[in-house]
């Protein structure tokens, strides 16, 4: 939990000060009562003592004051909120090395299966586009809500020679730009890049990542390899995305499940001031109810 006006939390020091004053007042009250009678005779006059009942209403009021002072600082909490809409660009490596069988049945087949399962978990309102790349990048599908189009394009992927990671990122940025001349504002967009090797040609990946950063498009990278790739890690870091390594088909599927959650929810700060103020009011009512029930008055 955080606070918009944390400096107001200093007012909480008033609570122990008020408590100290109240305790001093109670001490003076008892001393005055003792001066008007013989303390030895008090047990014969009073058959019951208020004890904790006298303290409980005051405790409710002090707690209510504490909660109210916290509310003045405008507390906030971060919540996971479903995105209303978004565009996700799947960028898939289609180089010949993706036919290697160290990831069963092949790197490419495992990636296709994981991507298909990823699509099934996305909200229907999300648009998805597909870019495949080897020595050059190709737009297999512009962003669309029609999942069948993306799945068919994934299944039809043909391997080619070369690896141009930077070109693929630039192509994804171009393909995700709105084509409506009236509304040229890009919806929240993310790039999900999967590859099994470093870039060999074309635009340097970090230069493409810098363009993605300027356009506020995070790039999430997935390396189908036994070791993480520094180039992919730096691309993700520069754009505000995250880098993953998936050397097996099970790990690859797990990465895509995790990304499905990350990309469909966004963190938002929710103000809790009204909740704290309501809690403070409830504590005041509880204190008043206890005082009326036991002492027939409101202190």
Foldseek 3Di string as FASTA:
>chain_A
DDFPQVVLLVCLVVLVVVVVVVVVVVVVVVVVVCVVDPPVCVCVVDVDDCVVLVVQLVVLQSVLVNLLSVLVRFDKDKDWAFDPEEEEEEEEEQAPQQQDCLAPPGNLVLLLVLVLVLLVLADLRYWYWYWYDAQAIDTQGATDSPSVSVNVSSVPRHHDHHFAQLRSLQVSVVSQFDPDPVDRDGGQYEYEYEDADAHDDDDQNVVSLQVLLVVLYAYEYEHCDPDFDPSNQNSRVSNVHHYYYHPYSVSSSVVSVVVSSVVRIDMDMDTCSVVSNVVSVVSNVVSQVSCCVPPVDRD
